[in-house]
Amino acid sequence: MARASARHILVNSEEQCLALKQEIENGRDFAEVAKQHSSCPSGRQGGDLGSFGPGQMVPEFDKVVFSGELNQVHGPVKTQFGYHLLEITDRG
């Protein structure tokens, strides 16, 4: 079965999500941004979600995590929880 590892940042608005994405693309560290801004408890670990298989996360996550390019920031991805930036760190 496919597995992936990813980090994410969860915020309440698409505008904030886009602003944080720009900061990361301009060289800011993803983990630091997650620690400062993510409303998910994973933010304390730099947004690290660990390893998971298809169906363990919400469908919007799966779609990006199992098809997107590795080590790039994807998003905003809207889910029932808010707006996410996703970075796929490994997939196999």
Protein backbone atom coordinates (compact mmCIF):
# COMPACT_ATOMS: atom_id res chain seq x y z
CA MET A 1 0.00 0.00 0.00
CA ALA A 2 1.18 3.52 -0.78
CA ARG A 3 2.52 5.60 2.11
CA ALA A 4 3.35 9.26 2.33
CA SER A 5 4.86 11.64 4.85
CA ALA A 6 3.87 15.28 4.93
CA ARG A 7 3.87 18.49 6.92
CA HIS A 8 1.09 21.03 6.96
CA ILE A 9 0.06 24.42 8.25
CA LEU A 10 -3.60 25.00 9.14
CA VAL A 11 -5.08 28.51 9.24
CA ASN A 12 -8.58 29.99 9.15
CA SER A 13 -8.45 32.06 5.96
CA GLU A 14 -7.33 31.62 2.39
CA GLU A 15 -5.68 35.07 2.55
CA GLN A 16 -3.48 34.07 5.49
CA CYS A 17 -2.67 30.78 3.79
CA LEU A 18 -1.51 32.58 0.63
CA ALA A 19 0.55 35.08 2.65
CA LEU A 20 2.33 32.29 4.54
CA LYS A 21 2.94 30.39 1.30
CA GLN A 22 4.63 33.49 -0.11
CA GLU A 23 6.84 33.79 3.00
CA ILE A 24 7.95 30.15 2.64
CA GLU A 25 8.60 30.56 -1.09
CA ASN A 26 10.71 33.61 -0.22
CA GLY A 27 12.94 31.47 2.01
CA ARG A 28 11.20 31.27 5.38
CA ASP A 29 11.44 27.84 7.03
CA PHE A 30 8.24 25.77 6.74
CA ALA A 31 8.62 24.32 10.26
CA GLU A 32 9.07 27.77 11.82
CA VAL A 33 5.97 29.11 10.04
CA ALA A 34 4.01 26.06 11.23
CA LYS A 35 5.13 26.57 14.84
CA GLN A 36 4.09 30.24 14.76
CA HIS A 37 0.86 30.10 12.78
CA SER A 38 -0.68 26.62 12.50
CA SER A 39 -3.84 26.05 14.55
CA CYS A 40 -3.30 22.27 14.36
CA PRO A 41 -1.52 20.59 17.31
CA SER A 42 1.02 19.27 14.76
CA GLY A 43 2.29 22.85 14.49
CA ARG A 44 4.39 22.26 17.61
CA GLN A 45 6.33 19.64 15.61
CA GLY A 46 6.76 21.98 12.65
CA GLY A 47 3.56 20.69 11.06
CA ASP A 48 4.84 17.11 10.79
CA LEU A 49 2.01 14.62 10.24
CA GLY A 50 4.25 11.56 10.10
CA SER A 51 3.60 8.68 7.72
CA PHE A 52 0.11 7.66 6.59
CA GLY A 53 -1.73 5.73 3.90
CA PRO A 54 -4.60 6.63 1.58
CA GLY A 55 -7.86 7.21 3.41
CA GLN A 56 -6.28 8.13 6.75
CA MET A 57 -6.61 11.86 6.05
CA VAL A 58 -9.50 13.85 4.59
CA PRO A 59 -10.02 13.32 0.82
CA GLU A 60 -8.72 16.80 -0.06
CA PHE A 61 -5.42 15.89 1.64
CA ASP A 62 -5.13 12.52 -0.07
CA LYS A 63 -5.65 14.05 -3.49
CA VAL A 64 -2.67 16.38 -3.05
CA VAL A 65 -0.40 14.14 -0.97
CA PHE A 66 -0.61 11.13 -3.27
CA SER A 67 -0.30 13.04 -6.56
CA GLY A 68 1.61 16.29 -5.90
CA GLU A 69 5.33 16.92 -6.32
CA LEU A 70 7.60 16.16 -3.39
CA ASN A 71 9.25 18.95 -1.39
CA GLN A 72 7.05 21.70 -2.80
CA VAL A 73 4.48 23.75 -0.91
CA HIS A 74 0.96 22.96 -2.15
CA GLY A 75 -2.11 24.95 -1.32
CA PRO A 76 -4.23 26.55 -0.16
CA VAL A 77 -6.15 23.29 0.23
CA LYS A 78 -9.59 23.88 1.73
CA THR A 79 -11.02 21.23 4.08
CA GLN A 80 -13.69 21.17 6.78
CA PHE A 81 -10.96 22.31 9.21
CA GLY A 82 -9.79 25.40 7.33
CA TYR A 83 -7.05 26.17 4.81
CA HIS A 84 -3.87 24.14 4.61
CA LEU A 85 -0.44 24.44 3.11
CA LEU A 86 0.96 20.97 2.46
CA GLU A 87 4.52 19.81 1.87
CA ILE A 88 4.97 16.17 0.87
CA THR A 89 8.28 15.03 2.33
CA ASP A 90 8.24 11.38 1.23
CA ARG A 91 6.11 8.95 -0.74
CA GLY A 92 6.58 5.30 -1.51
